[in-house]
Amino acid sequence: MPTFDFICKDCSREFEFSRSFGSNRKPHCPACGSTKTEKLIAPPTIHFKGSGFFVTDSRKTEEKKTSPTKKEEKEIATEKKEEKKASPEPEKSTKETKSG
C-alpha cells in the first residue's frame, strides 16, 4: 500500500499513513488523536536512470543535422517545382564559328 503524508489541523503535526488508493478514510493524528486531518500533496518520488534524462542529451548541436520530415520533404519539392515554373528556361545561344 502507498504511504501518504497528512497534517493535523488541530496540532499542525505532519505524519505518514499507509492506505490503498481507493480509500478515502482519514487517519487519526498520532499526537493528539484528532480526526481533523488533511492529505498533503507531495511531489512524486521518481528516479530517472540511464541515458536520455539529462539536459545535455536532448540538445542538438549545429553539427548534427537531422533529416527533413516527410512534410518538410513535400514542401521542399513543391518549392522546387514552383521555382522551375517561375523561371523560364535559358535560351540556347548559337555559336558562330570562324573559319580560318
Foldseek 3Di string as FASTA:
>chain_A
DDKFWKAAPPPRDIDIDDDDPPDPQQAADPPPRDSRMDTDDDDDDDDDDDPDPDPVRPDDDPVDDDDDDPVVVVVVVVVVVVVPVVDDDDDDDDDDDDDD
